[in-house]
PDB file of N, CA and C in Angstrom:
ATOM      1  N   GLY A   1     -50.459 -52.159 -35.606  1.00  0.00           N
ATOM      2  CA  GLY A   1     -50.874 -52.501 -34.246  1.00  0.00           C
ATOM      3  C   GLY A   1     -51.580 -51.340 -33.566  1.00  0.00           C
ATOM      4  N   ALA A   2     -52.502 -51.656 -32.666  1.00  0.00           N
ATOM      5  CA  ALA A   2     -53.224 -50.596 -31.964  1.00  0.00           C
ATOM      6  C   ALA A   2     -52.584 -50.331 -30.609  1.00  0.00           C
ATOM      7  N   LEU A   3     -51.308 -50.010 -30.653  1.00  0.00           N
ATOM      8  CA  LEU A   3     -50.597 -49.749 -29.403  1.00  0.00           C
ATOM      9  C   LEU A   3     -50.646 -48.266 -29.065  1.00  0.00           C
ATOM     10  N   PRO A   4     -50.699 -47.941 -27.778  1.00  0.00           N
ATOM     11  CA  PRO A   4     -50.749 -46.543 -27.326  1.00  0.00           C
ATOM     12  C   PRO A   4     -49.405 -45.857 -27.502  1.00  0.00           C
ATOM     13  N   ALA A   5     -48.969 -45.748 -28.741  1.00  0.00           N
ATOM     14  CA  ALA A   5     -47.661 -45.152 -29.025  1.00  0.00           C
ATOM     15  C   ALA A   5     -47.566 -43.709 -28.532  1.00  0.00           C
ATOM     16  N   PRO A   6     -48.623 -42.908 -28.738  1.00  0.00           N
ATOM     17  CA  PRO A   6     -48.583 -41.510 -28.293  1.00  0.00           C
ATOM     18  C   PRO A   6     -48.404 -41.389 -26.783  1.00  0.00           C
ATOM     19  N   ALA A   7     -48.784 -42.427 -26.068  1.00  0.00           N
ATOM     20  CA  ALA A   7     -48.698 -42.397 -24.611  1.00  0.00           C
ATOM     21  C   ALA A   7     -47.273 -42.683 -24.155  1.00  0.00           C
ATOM     22  N   LEU A   8     -46.482 -43.235 -25.061  1.00  0.00           N
ATOM     23  CA  LEU A   8     -45.105 -43.561 -24.704  1.00  0.00           C
ATOM     24  C   LEU A   8     -44.145 -42.536 -25.286  1.00  0.00           C
ATOM     25  N   SER A   9     -43.278 -42.027 -24.424  1.00  0.00           N
ATOM     26  CA  SER A   9     -42.280 -41.081 -24.902  1.00  0.00           C
ATOM     27  C   SER A   9     -41.090 -41.863 -25.429  1.00  0.00           C
ATOM     28  N   ALA A  10     -40.172 -41.189 -26.057  1.00  0.00           N
ATOM     29  CA  ALA A  10     -39.000 -41.857 -26.624  1.00  0.00           C
ATOM     30  C   ALA A  10     -38.217 -42.555 -25.519  1.00  0.00           C
ATOM     31  N   ALA A  11     -38.160 -41.941 -24.358  1.00  0.00           N
ATOM     32  CA  ALA A  11     -37.418 -42.514 -23.234  1.00  0.00           C
ATOM     33  C   ALA A  11     -38.111 -43.767 -22.719  1.00  0.00           C
ATOM     34  N   GLU A  12     -39.434 -43.678 -22.571  1.00  0.00           N
ATOM     35  CA  GLU A  12     -40.199 -44.826 -22.077  1.00  0.00           C
ATOM     36  C   GLU A  12     -40.143 -45.971 -23.070  1.00  0.00           C
ATOM     37  N   LEU A  13     -40.260 -45.624 -24.356  1.00  0.00           N
ATOM     38  CA  LEU A  13     -40.226 -46.638 -25.395  1.00  0.00           C
ATOM     39  C   LEU A  13     -38.868 -47.336 -25.393  1.00  0.00           C
ATOM     40  N   GLY A  14     -37.831 -46.567 -25.143  1.00  0.00           N
ATOM     41  CA  GLY A  14     -36.477 -47.125 -25.099  1.00  0.00           C
ATOM     42  C   GLY A  14     -36.332 -48.124 -23.963  1.00  0.00           C
ATOM     43  N   GLU A  15     -36.930 -47.810 -22.833  1.00  0.00           N
ATOM     44  CA  GLU A  15     -36.862 -48.706 -21.682  1.00  0.00           C
ATOM     45  C   GLU A  15     -37.559 -50.021 -21.993  1.00  0.00           C
ATOM     46  N   VAL A  16     -38.690 -49.933 -22.685  1.00  0.00           N
ATOM     47  CA  VAL A  16     -39.448 -51.131 -23.051  1.00  0.00           C
ATOM     48  C   VAL A  16     -38.633 -51.987 -24.017  1.00  0.00           C
ATOM     49  N   LEU A  17     -38.017 -51.323 -24.991  1.00  0.00           N
ATOM     50  CA  LEU A  17     -37.224 -52.040 -25.983  1.00  0.00           C
ATOM     51  C   LEU A  17     -36.027 -52.705 -25.327  1.00  0.00           C
ATOM     52  N   ARG A  18     -35.495 -52.075 -24.293  1.00  0.00           N
ATOM     53  CA  ARG A  18     -34.332 -52.632 -23.592  1.00  0.00           C
ATOM     54  C   ARG A  18     -34.704 -53.964 -22.946  1.00  0.00           C
ATOM     55  N   GLU A  19     -35.919 -54.015 -22.392  1.00  0.00           N
ATOM     56  CA  GLU A  19     -36.359 -55.236 -21.717  1.00  0.00           C
ATOM     57  C   GLU A  19     -36.753 -56.309 -22.721  1.00  0.00           C
ATOM     58  N   LEU A  20     -37.350 -55.868 -23.833  1.00  0.00           N
ATOM     59  CA  LEU A  20     -37.778 -56.826 -24.857  1.00  0.00           C
ATOM     60  C   LEU A  20     -36.583 -57.375 -25.618  1.00  0.00           C
ATOM     61  N   GLY A  21     -35.664 -56.502 -25.948  1.00  0.00           N
ATOM     62  CA  GLY A  21     -34.487 -56.956 -26.705  1.00  0.00           C
ATOM     63  C   GLY A  21     -33.344 -55.967 -26.614  1.00  0.00           C
ATOM     64  N   PRO A  22     -32.544 -56.073 -25.567  1.00  0.00           N
ATOM     65  CA  PRO A  22     -31.417 -55.160 -25.345  1.00  0.00           C
ATOM     66  C   PRO A  22     -30.442 -55.148 -26.516  1.00  0.00           C
ATOM     67  N   HIS A  23     -30.416 -56.255 -27.276  1.00  0.00           N
ATOM     68  CA  HIS A  23     -29.472 -56.363 -28.383  1.00  0.00           C
ATOM     69  C   HIS A  23     -29.928 -55.529 -29.571  1.00  0.00           C
ATOM     70  N   ARG A  24     -31.197 -55.124 -29.551  1.00  0.00           N
ATOM     71  CA  ARG A  24     -31.732 -54.365 -30.682  1.00  0.00           C
ATOM     72  C   ARG A  24     -31.581 -52.865 -30.444  1.00  0.00           C
ATOM     73  N   THR A  25     -31.272 -52.496 -29.201  1.00  0.00           N
ATOM     74  CA  THR A  25     -31.188 -51.075 -28.874  1.00  0.00           C
ATOM     75  C   THR A  25     -29.746 -50.639 -28.674  1.00  0.00           C
ATOM     76  N   ARG A  26     -29.513 -49.342 -28.774  1.00  0.00           N
ATOM     77  CA  ARG A  26     -28.168 -48.808 -28.569  1.00  0.00           C
ATOM     78  C   ARG A  26     -27.805 -48.890 -27.097  1.00  0.00           C
ATOM     79  N   ALA A  27     -28.821 -48.939 -26.243  1.00  0.00           N
ATOM     80  CA  ALA A  27     -28.590 -49.027 -24.805  1.00  0.00           C
ATOM     81  C   ALA A  27     -27.989 -50.387 -24.464  1.00  0.00           C
ATOM     82  N   GLY A  28     -28.254 -51.369 -25.322  1.00  0.00           N
ATOM     83  CA  GLY A  28     -27.743 -52.717 -25.102  1.00  0.00           C
ATOM     84  C   GLY A  28     -26.231 -52.756 -25.160  1.00  0.00           C
ATOM     85  N   ASP A  29     -25.641 -51.732 -25.773  1.00  0.00           N
ATOM     86  CA  ASP A  29     -24.190 -51.674 -25.888  1.00  0.00           C
ATOM     87  C   ASP A  29     -23.569 -51.531 -24.507  1.00  0.00           C
ATOM     88  N   ARG A  30     -24.342 -50.932 -23.590  1.00  0.00           N
ATOM     89  CA  ARG A  30     -23.873 -50.754 -22.222  1.00  0.00           C
ATOM     90  C   ARG A  30     -23.941 -52.077 -21.476  1.00  0.00           C
ATOM     91  N   GLU A  31     -24.916 -52.913 -21.868  1.00  0.00           N
ATOM     92  CA  GLU A  31     -25.117 -54.182 -21.171  1.00  0.00           C
ATOM     93  C   GLU A  31     -24.466 -55.331 -21.929  1.00  0.00           C
ATOM     94  N   THR A  32     -23.253 -55.100 -22.413  1.00  0.00           N
ATOM     95  CA  THR A  32     -22.569 -56.119 -23.207  1.00  0.00           C
ATOM     96  C   THR A  32     -22.204 -57.328 -22.362  1.00  0.00           C
ATOM     97  N   GLY A  33     -22.137 -57.128 -21.032  1.00  0.00           N
ATOM     98  CA  GLY A  33     -21.752 -58.236 -20.155  1.00  0.00           C
ATOM     99  C   GLY A  33     -22.959 -59.049 -19.748  1.00  0.00           C
ATOM    100  N   ALA A  34     -24.152 -58.509 -19.964  1.00  0.00           N
ATOM    101  CA  ALA A  34     -25.378 -59.201 -19.554  1.00  0.00           C
ATOM    102  C   ALA A  34     -25.726 -60.297 -20.546  1.00  0.00           C
TER     103      ALA A  34
END
C-alpha cells in the first residue's frame, strides 16, 4: 500500500489501530468493557 507510514509515529499508528480494531491492539485490553 502507498500509505504515508513514515508520517505516522508508533503512537499515532497505535491510535489509528485502536479505532480501526481495538481487539487487534494491546490497547484494546484496556477497553474490554467497550
